[in-house]
Amino acid sequence: MAEKLKMVGPGIVVAATGVGTADLITSIVIGTQFGMTFIWAIIVGSILKYFLNEGVGRWHLASERTMVQGWQQLGKWATGYFGVYSIIWGFVYGATAASTSAMGMYAMFPIMPVWAWAIVHGVAGFLLVWFGKYQLFEKVMTVLIGVMFVTIIGTAFLFLPSIGEFMGGFVPRVPDGSFMLMMGLIGGVGGTITMASYGYWLAEKKWTGPKWVSTMRIDIKVAYILTCIFTIAGLIIGAQFLFGTGVNLRGDQGLIDLAALLGQEFGTPMKWVFLIAFWSAAFSSLLGVWNGVPYLFADFVQTMRQKKDEPRRIVQETDKSYRFYLAWLTFPPMILFYFGKPVELVIIYGALGSLFMPFLAISLLILLNSKRVSQPLRNKALPNIVLVACLAMFAYLGINELVDILFK
């Protein structure tokens, strides 16, 4: 066990990528409105995402195929969906991730406009992934997760609740008017499309074949324990510092506003600590996507081009299609820094985005119960129950998202 813990790496990348500013602001807002009530929901969300991510890793190791190959086996509809989704998602997310990272840096160093800082962050991520090896990328992500741990957990320690109040949050209850917030909290813990990149990070660590499944499970448990701790820390900050104040935090700007409030209450150093936490969460998510999602796109391109009986080649960071998508994440979205996000694009992106997690859940349900995976590593009853629950929950959230987009 101790030896396997020393090998943990891809899980750190998962945690650093998955815990973004959206997770922090959601947990803080819910803590502000409902106190410590929803600790149980964060734990449930972490467990659900663990089973999804474990399923992705087990598919890669047990079948020795990628998720894209799995989607190909499900039919052209699956690979076609991913192809369309990845192009639209990459364009909008590229602008969003760079802008969010820039907001944190601008709040600390307002020496140039947010759009200029956004360009700096996008290009910095591009250069690190283009020229760096996975080992360097993993070390940078480990440093960022360390910074997040010190700053976010350190801030939460200022507001520790009583044992009774804390333990009360483990009792499942849903106050009036909180159902959709609770569902969003469960569904939002720890990443979306980047979960499908996990297998490529396993391959970079040379973890291949069924013998690595037990190590992978420890690795991903570490990821979601960290994710759970970070999200609970956000809940504590909201519950203990802002509960009952009437302060309304909205979007990523809300975290900047919170940093200013912390500075007023505890002094300038506290403001800087939280701004560093904000920036670390944003930039680690950017780096994780810049490194991970191009693998999926490059694999998709290879799958579409591959002829029957042609040997399969392992996707690499030097592949032209990998680098194309890395550039796609970085440069075309810069247009949005000047003109804002086109409404039509955001609508399409929101519609597709709301359907990705049920798509992943149903993919894993089919693939991990099939003969493509050896009998000992196929789904047992518990993973199937959890994946069905994930499918139902994300389908419900997706339908609500689509209703909001179409009718509001």
Protein backbone atom coordinates (compact mmCIF):
# COMPACT_ATOMS: atom_id res chain seq x y z
CA MET A 1 0.00 0.00 0.00
CA ALA A 2 2.75 2.46 0.99
CA GLU A 3 4.68 1.68 -2.19
CA LYS A 4 1.58 2.32 -4.32
CA LEU A 5 0.93 5.63 -2.56
CA LYS A 6 4.45 6.73 -3.51
CA MET A 7 3.53 6.15 -7.16
CA VAL A 8 0.49 8.44 -7.08
CA GLY A 9 0.69 10.98 -9.91
CA PRO A 10 -2.14 10.96 -12.46
CA GLY A 11 -4.58 11.29 -9.57
CA ILE A 12 -2.88 14.51 -8.48
CA VAL A 13 -3.34 15.78 -12.02
CA VAL A 14 -7.02 14.79 -11.90
CA ALA A 15 -7.53 16.63 -8.60
CA ALA A 16 -5.66 19.75 -9.74
CA THR A 17 -7.58 19.83 -13.03
CA GLY A 18 -10.98 19.00 -11.58
CA VAL A 19 -11.05 21.51 -8.72
CA GLY A 20 -11.55 24.78 -10.54
CA THR A 21 -12.98 28.13 -9.57
CA ALA A 22 -16.50 26.89 -10.41
CA ASP A 23 -16.26 24.20 -7.72
CA LEU A 24 -14.99 26.72 -5.18
CA ILE A 25 -17.64 29.34 -5.90
CA THR A 26 -20.43 26.72 -5.87
CA SER A 27 -19.38 25.31 -2.51
CA ILE A 28 -18.90 28.79 -1.01
CA VAL A 29 -22.29 30.01 -2.28
CA ILE A 30 -24.07 26.92 -0.91
CA GLY A 31 -22.24 27.32 2.42
CA THR A 32 -23.29 30.98 2.50
CA GLN A 33 -26.95 30.08 1.99
CA PHE A 34 -27.28 26.78 3.86
CA GLY A 35 -24.36 26.60 6.27
CA MET A 36 -22.78 23.16 6.78
CA THR A 37 -25.91 21.32 5.59
CA PHE A 38 -24.42 19.84 2.43
CA ILE A 39 -21.18 18.16 3.53
CA TRP A 40 -22.94 14.89 2.75
CA ALA A 41 -23.64 16.07 -0.83
CA ILE A 42 -19.95 16.84 -1.43
CA ILE A 43 -19.03 13.35 -0.22
CA VAL A 44 -21.69 11.78 -2.45
CA GLY A 45 -20.46 13.82 -5.43
CA SER A 46 -16.87 12.75 -4.80
CA ILE A 47 -17.91 9.10 -4.60
CA LEU A 48 -19.90 9.31 -7.84
CA LYS A 49 -17.03 10.99 -9.69
CA TYR A 50 -14.63 8.41 -8.23
CA PHE A 51 -16.64 5.59 -9.80
CA LEU A 52 -16.79 7.41 -13.14
CA ASN A 53 -13.06 8.12 -13.18
CA GLU A 54 -12.22 4.63 -11.89
CA GLY A 55 -14.34 3.27 -14.73
CA VAL A 56 -12.36 5.27 -17.29
CA GLY A 57 -9.07 4.04 -15.81
CA ARG A 58 -10.25 0.42 -15.57
CA TRP A 59 -11.45 0.49 -19.17
CA HIS A 60 -8.02 1.71 -20.35
CA LEU A 61 -6.11 -0.87 -18.31
CA ALA A 62 -8.40 -3.89 -18.57
CA SER A 63 -9.23 -3.60 -22.27
CA GLU A 64 -5.95 -1.89 -23.25
CA ARG A 65 -8.09 0.42 -25.38
CA THR A 66 -8.76 4.14 -25.02
CA MET A 67 -12.13 5.76 -24.36
CA VAL A 68 -12.21 6.95 -27.97
CA GLN A 69 -11.74 3.35 -29.15
CA GLY A 70 -14.55 2.38 -26.80
CA TRP A 71 -16.81 5.03 -28.33
CA GLN A 72 -15.90 3.75 -31.78
CA GLN A 73 -17.10 0.30 -30.74
CA LEU A 74 -20.37 1.80 -29.58
CA GLY A 75 -20.95 3.20 -33.06
CA LYS A 76 -20.36 6.24 -35.27
CA TRP A 77 -22.90 8.25 -33.27
CA ALA A 78 -20.58 8.17 -30.24
CA THR A 79 -17.38 9.22 -32.00
CA GLY A 80 -19.32 11.77 -34.06
CA TYR A 81 -20.80 13.29 -30.92
CA PHE A 82 -17.39 13.59 -29.32
CA GLY A 83 -15.85 15.12 -32.47
CA VAL A 84 -18.44 17.90 -32.69
CA TYR A 85 -18.46 18.48 -28.94
CA SER A 86 -14.67 18.72 -28.66
CA ILE A 87 -14.37 21.47 -31.28
CA ILE A 88 -17.12 23.67 -29.81
CA TRP A 89 -16.13 22.97 -26.20
CA GLY A 90 -12.45 23.68 -26.88
CA PHE A 91 -13.14 27.06 -28.45
CA VAL A 92 -15.32 28.34 -25.62
CA TYR A 93 -13.39 26.70 -22.78
CA GLY A 94 -10.09 28.03 -24.13
CA ALA A 95 -11.34 31.60 -23.69
CA THR A 96 -12.98 30.88 -20.34
CA ALA A 97 -9.98 29.15 -18.75
CA ALA A 98 -7.49 31.80 -19.86
CA SER A 99 -9.78 34.63 -18.76
CA THR A 100 -10.42 33.08 -15.34
CA SER A 101 -6.69 32.60 -14.70
CA ALA A 102 -6.14 36.18 -15.85
CA MET A 103 -8.71 37.54 -13.39
CA GLY A 104 -6.77 36.13 -10.46
CA MET A 105 -3.46 37.46 -11.74
CA TYR A 106 -4.95 40.88 -12.56
CA ALA A 107 -6.35 41.15 -9.03
CA MET A 108 -2.81 40.67 -7.70
CA PHE A 109 -0.88 42.54 -10.39
CA PRO A 110 -3.06 45.06 -12.29
CA ILE A 111 -0.16 46.11 -14.50
CA MET A 112 -1.99 45.24 -17.73
CA PRO A 113 -5.59 44.49 -18.78
CA VAL A 114 -7.33 41.20 -18.05
CA TRP A 115 -7.33 40.30 -21.75
CA ALA A 116 -3.53 40.69 -21.87
CA TRP A 117 -3.10 38.46 -18.80
CA ALA A 118 -5.44 35.97 -20.49
CA ILE A 119 -3.16 35.84 -23.53
CA VAL A 120 -0.14 35.35 -21.24
CA HIS A 121 -1.79 32.42 -19.43
CA GLY A 122 -3.01 30.74 -22.60
CA VAL A 123 0.41 30.99 -24.24
CA ALA A 124 2.18 29.89 -21.04
CA GLY A 125 0.05 26.74 -20.93
CA PHE A 126 0.66 26.19 -24.64
CA LEU A 127 4.45 26.44 -24.28
CA LEU A 128 4.60 24.24 -21.17
CA VAL A 129 2.65 21.46 -22.87
CA TRP A 130 4.31 21.86 -26.30
CA PHE A 131 7.89 21.71 -25.02
CA GLY A 132 7.52 19.95 -21.66
CA LYS A 133 7.36 16.23 -21.00
CA TYR A 134 4.66 14.63 -18.86
CA GLN A 135 7.05 14.41 -15.90
CA LEU A 136 7.48 18.21 -15.88
CA PHE A 137 3.74 18.73 -16.31
CA GLU A 138 3.00 16.41 -13.36
CA LYS A 139 5.53 18.24 -11.16
CA VAL A 140 3.99 21.62 -11.99
CA MET A 141 0.51 20.27 -11.22
CA THR A 142 1.78 18.81 -7.94
CA VAL A 143 3.17 22.23 -6.97
CA LEU A 144 -0.15 23.89 -7.84
CA ILE A 145 -2.15 21.34 -5.84
CA GLY A 146 0.24 21.98 -2.94
CA VAL A 147 -0.35 25.74 -3.20
CA MET A 148 -4.12 25.14 -3.32
CA PHE A 149 -3.92 22.88 -0.28
CA VAL A 150 -1.97 25.41 1.81
CA THR A 151 -4.08 28.41 0.79
CA ILE A 152 -7.62 26.99 0.61
CA ILE A 153 -7.31 24.64 3.58
CA GLY A 154 -5.38 27.33 5.47
CA THR A 155 -8.21 29.81 4.90
CA ALA A 156 -10.81 27.25 6.01
CA PHE A 157 -8.88 26.71 9.25
CA LEU A 158 -9.70 30.30 10.20
CA PHE A 159 -13.38 29.38 10.25
CA LEU A 160 -13.54 25.87 11.68
CA PRO A 161 -17.07 25.04 12.82
CA SER A 162 -17.91 23.27 16.05
CA ILE A 163 -17.76 19.47 15.97
CA GLY A 164 -21.53 19.28 16.36
CA GLU A 165 -22.16 21.68 13.47
CA PHE A 166 -19.64 19.86 11.28
CA MET A 167 -21.05 16.40 12.02
CA GLY A 168 -24.56 17.70 11.37
CA GLY A 169 -23.56 18.20 7.73
CA PHE A 170 -23.16 14.42 7.33
CA VAL A 171 -26.90 13.87 7.85
CA PRO A 172 -28.63 13.90 4.44
CA ARG A 173 -31.28 16.62 4.29
CA VAL A 174 -32.49 19.01 1.61
CA PRO A 175 -33.93 22.33 2.91
CA ASP A 176 -36.73 23.99 0.98
CA GLY A 177 -35.50 25.71 -2.16
CA SER A 178 -32.13 23.95 -2.20
CA PHE A 179 -32.77 20.91 -4.40
CA MET A 180 -31.22 22.18 -7.65
CA LEU A 181 -28.28 23.72 -5.82
CA MET A 182 -27.70 20.39 -4.07
CA MET A 183 -27.88 18.48 -7.37
CA GLY A 184 -25.50 20.96 -8.98
CA LEU A 185 -23.07 20.57 -6.09
CA ILE A 186 -23.09 16.77 -6.40
CA GLY A 187 -22.75 16.89 -10.18
CA GLY A 188 -20.08 19.58 -10.21
CA VAL A 189 -17.51 18.02 -7.89
CA GLY A 190 -14.26 17.38 -9.73
CA GLY A 191 -14.18 17.69 -13.49
CA THR A 192 -16.14 16.81 -16.64
CA ILE A 193 -14.60 16.02 -20.06
CA THR A 194 -11.09 15.86 -18.55
CA MET A 195 -12.11 12.66 -16.75
CA ALA A 196 -11.93 10.91 -20.12
CA SER A 197 -8.26 11.99 -20.39
CA TYR A 198 -7.25 9.99 -17.31
CA GLY A 199 -6.21 6.92 -19.31
CA TYR A 200 -3.63 8.89 -21.29
CA TRP A 201 -2.04 10.13 -18.06
CA LEU A 202 -1.87 6.50 -16.92
CA ALA A 203 -0.11 5.63 -20.17
CA GLU A 204 2.38 8.47 -19.65
CA LYS A 205 3.26 6.85 -16.30
CA LYS A 206 3.76 3.53 -18.14
CA TRP A 207 0.81 2.00 -16.30
CA THR A 208 -0.51 -0.42 -18.91
CA GLY A 209 -2.41 -3.65 -18.60
CA PRO A 210 -4.70 -5.17 -15.95
CA LYS A 211 -1.88 -5.57 -13.37
CA TRP A 212 -2.03 -1.80 -12.72
CA VAL A 213 -5.73 -1.67 -11.82
CA SER A 214 -5.14 -1.84 -8.06
CA THR A 215 -2.55 0.94 -8.23
CA MET A 216 -4.88 3.03 -10.39
CA ARG A 217 -7.66 2.67 -7.83
CA ILE A 218 -5.44 4.00 -5.05
CA ASP A 219 -4.33 6.84 -7.32
CA ILE A 220 -7.89 7.92 -8.12
CA LYS A 221 -8.99 7.56 -4.47
CA VAL A 222 -6.29 10.07 -3.54
CA ALA A 223 -7.63 12.36 -6.28
CA TYR A 224 -11.17 12.42 -4.96
CA ILE A 225 -10.20 12.56 -1.31
CA LEU A 226 -8.29 15.74 -2.17
CA THR A 227 -11.20 16.99 -4.27
CA CYS A 228 -13.61 16.33 -1.40
CA ILE A 229 -11.37 18.15 1.10
CA PHE A 230 -11.00 21.20 -1.16
CA THR A 231 -14.74 21.44 -1.76
CA ILE A 232 -15.60 21.02 1.93
CA ALA A 233 -13.06 23.77 2.69
CA GLY A 234 -14.99 26.07 0.34
CA LEU A 235 -18.24 25.15 2.07
CA ILE A 236 -16.71 25.96 5.48
CA ILE A 237 -15.49 29.36 4.27
CA GLY A 238 -18.96 30.22 2.98
CA ALA A 239 -20.79 28.79 5.98
CA GLN A 240 -18.64 30.32 8.70
CA PHE A 241 -17.56 33.62 7.12
CA LEU A 242 -20.53 34.63 4.95
CA PHE A 243 -23.55 32.71 6.29
CA GLY A 244 -26.34 35.13 7.16
CA THR A 245 -24.49 38.20 5.84
CA GLY A 246 -26.58 38.55 2.68
CA VAL A 247 -23.40 38.81 0.57
CA ASN A 248 -24.11 37.60 -2.96
CA LEU A 249 -21.16 36.06 -4.81
CA ARG A 250 -21.66 35.51 -8.54
CA GLY A 251 -19.37 33.84 -11.05
CA ASP A 252 -15.59 33.95 -10.91
CA GLN A 253 -15.72 37.64 -9.92
CA GLY A 254 -17.32 36.39 -6.72
CA LEU A 255 -14.04 34.84 -5.59
CA ILE A 256 -12.25 38.13 -6.22
CA ASP A 257 -14.91 39.89 -4.13
CA LEU A 258 -14.48 37.28 -1.39
CA ALA A 259 -10.73 37.90 -1.35
CA ALA A 260 -11.43 41.61 -0.81
CA LEU A 261 -13.82 40.79 2.06
CA LEU A 262 -11.22 38.53 3.67
CA GLY A 263 -8.67 41.33 3.33
CA GLN A 264 -10.99 43.79 5.07
CA GLU A 265 -11.59 41.34 7.93
CA PHE A 266 -8.13 39.81 8.38
CA GLY A 267 -5.72 42.14 6.61
CA THR A 268 -3.98 42.31 3.24
CA PRO A 269 -1.97 39.05 3.67
CA MET A 270 -5.24 37.08 3.90
CA LYS A 271 -6.46 38.73 0.72
CA TRP A 272 -3.29 37.65 -1.07
CA VAL A 273 -3.53 34.10 0.25
CA PHE A 274 -7.01 33.71 -1.20
CA LEU A 275 -6.11 35.36 -4.51
CA ILE A 276 -3.24 32.88 -4.84
CA ALA A 277 -5.73 30.08 -4.11
CA PHE A 278 -8.06 31.46 -6.82
CA TRP A 279 -5.24 31.68 -9.36
CA SER A 280 -3.88 28.20 -8.55
CA ALA A 281 -7.32 26.62 -8.97
CA ALA A 282 -7.85 28.41 -12.30
CA PHE A 283 -4.42 27.86 -13.83
CA SER A 284 -4.15 24.20 -12.75
CA SER A 285 -7.47 23.55 -14.51
CA LEU A 286 -6.17 25.31 -17.62
CA LEU A 287 -2.97 23.24 -17.65
CA GLY A 288 -4.86 19.99 -17.10
CA VAL A 289 -7.13 20.66 -20.06
CA TRP A 290 -4.27 21.92 -22.28
CA ASN A 291 -2.41 18.66 -21.64
CA GLY A 292 -5.24 16.14 -21.38
CA VAL A 293 -7.99 16.94 -23.88
CA PRO A 294 -5.66 17.12 -26.93
CA TYR A 295 -4.96 13.41 -26.32
CA LEU A 296 -8.66 12.71 -26.79
CA PHE A 297 -8.80 14.77 -29.98
CA ALA A 298 -5.63 13.19 -31.42
CA ASP A 299 -7.03 9.75 -30.61
CA PHE A 300 -10.29 10.72 -32.32
CA VAL A 301 -8.42 11.82 -35.47
CA GLN A 302 -6.42 8.58 -35.55
CA THR A 303 -9.58 6.55 -35.06
CA MET A 304 -11.33 8.30 -37.94
CA ARG A 305 -8.34 7.82 -40.26
CA GLN A 306 -7.44 4.27 -39.28
CA LYS A 307 -7.96 1.66 -41.94
CA LYS A 308 -9.17 -1.85 -41.19
CA ASP A 309 -6.41 -4.14 -39.82
CA GLU A 310 -4.00 -1.20 -39.61
CA PRO A 311 -1.92 -1.42 -36.39
CA ARG A 312 -2.91 0.98 -33.63
CA ARG A 313 -0.35 3.61 -32.64
CA ILE A 314 -0.13 5.14 -29.17
CA VAL A 315 -1.16 8.81 -29.21
CA GLN A 316 1.72 11.13 -28.30
CA GLU A 317 2.15 14.81 -27.45
CA THR A 318 4.19 15.28 -30.63
CA ASP A 319 1.34 14.15 -32.91
CA LYS A 320 0.21 16.83 -35.35
CA SER A 321 -3.43 16.42 -34.32
CA TYR A 322 -2.49 16.74 -30.63
CA ARG A 323 -0.63 19.97 -31.32
CA PHE A 324 -3.41 21.24 -33.56
CA TYR A 325 -5.93 20.90 -30.74
CA LEU A 326 -3.49 22.44 -28.26
CA ALA A 327 -3.25 25.43 -30.60
CA TRP A 328 -7.05 25.39 -31.02
CA LEU A 329 -7.48 25.74 -27.26
CA THR A 330 -4.97 28.58 -27.12
CA PHE A 331 -5.18 30.92 -30.08
CA PRO A 332 -8.61 31.08 -31.81
CA PRO A 333 -10.41 31.70 -28.46
CA MET A 334 -8.40 34.93 -28.10
CA ILE A 335 -10.96 36.45 -30.50
CA LEU A 336 -13.49 36.22 -27.66
CA PHE A 337 -11.31 38.41 -25.43
CA TYR A 338 -12.18 41.33 -27.71
CA PHE A 339 -15.70 40.61 -28.91
CA GLY A 340 -17.22 38.67 -26.01
CA LYS A 341 -18.77 35.23 -26.34
CA PRO A 342 -21.18 34.89 -29.28
CA VAL A 343 -24.61 34.02 -27.86
CA GLU A 344 -25.27 31.27 -30.39
CA LEU A 345 -21.96 29.54 -29.59
CA VAL A 346 -22.60 29.66 -25.86
CA ILE A 347 -26.07 28.17 -26.37
CA ILE A 348 -24.72 25.28 -28.44
CA TYR A 349 -21.86 24.75 -26.00
CA GLY A 350 -24.23 24.71 -23.02
CA ALA A 351 -26.52 22.21 -24.72
CA LEU A 352 -23.69 19.84 -25.63
CA GLY A 353 -21.95 20.32 -22.29
CA SER A 354 -25.07 19.34 -20.35
CA LEU A 355 -25.11 16.02 -22.20
CA PHE A 356 -21.46 14.95 -21.85
CA MET A 357 -21.60 13.37 -18.37
CA PRO A 358 -24.61 11.13 -19.10
CA PHE A 359 -22.84 10.22 -22.36
CA LEU A 360 -19.76 9.13 -20.37
CA ALA A 361 -21.85 7.26 -17.78
CA ILE A 362 -23.80 5.27 -20.37
CA SER A 363 -20.59 4.56 -22.31
CA LEU A 364 -18.97 3.05 -19.22
CA LEU A 365 -22.10 1.06 -18.36
CA ILE A 366 -22.04 -0.59 -21.77
CA LEU A 367 -18.28 -1.04 -22.14
CA LEU A 368 -17.48 -2.28 -18.63
CA ASN A 369 -20.21 -4.93 -18.78
CA SER A 370 -19.10 -6.21 -22.18
CA LYS A 371 -16.84 -9.06 -23.29
CA ARG A 372 -14.22 -6.46 -24.23
CA VAL A 373 -13.21 -6.55 -20.55
CA SER A 374 -12.08 -9.77 -18.86
CA GLN A 375 -14.62 -11.24 -16.42
CA PRO A 376 -12.74 -10.36 -13.17
CA LEU A 377 -12.52 -6.68 -14.15
CA ARG A 378 -16.05 -6.22 -15.44
CA ASN A 379 -18.50 -4.18 -13.43
CA LYS A 380 -19.87 -5.72 -10.27
CA ALA A 381 -23.24 -4.77 -8.81
CA LEU A 382 -22.03 -1.66 -6.92
CA PRO A 383 -20.32 0.10 -9.89
CA ASN A 384 -23.38 -0.62 -12.03
CA ILE A 385 -25.73 0.85 -9.41
CA VAL A 386 -23.53 3.95 -9.04
CA LEU A 387 -23.19 4.46 -12.81
CA VAL A 388 -26.97 4.15 -13.26
CA ALA A 389 -27.39 6.74 -10.50
CA CYS A 390 -24.85 8.98 -12.28
CA LEU A 391 -26.70 8.55 -15.54
CA ALA A 392 -30.03 9.45 -13.96
CA MET A 393 -28.64 12.45 -12.08
CA PHE A 394 -26.67 13.91 -14.99
CA ALA A 395 -29.56 13.31 -17.39
CA TYR A 396 -31.84 15.22 -14.98
CA LEU A 397 -29.33 18.06 -14.68
CA GLY A 398 -28.82 18.06 -18.44
CA ILE A 399 -32.56 18.33 -19.15
CA ASN A 400 -32.82 21.23 -16.70
CA GLU A 401 -29.84 22.92 -18.36
CA LEU A 402 -31.46 22.54 -21.78
CA VAL A 403 -34.77 23.89 -20.49
CA ASP A 404 -32.98 26.92 -19.04
CA ILE A 405 -31.17 27.53 -22.33
CA LEU A 406 -34.24 27.15 -24.55
CA PHE A 407 -36.92 28.84 -22.46
CA LYS A 408 -35.17 31.48 -20.33
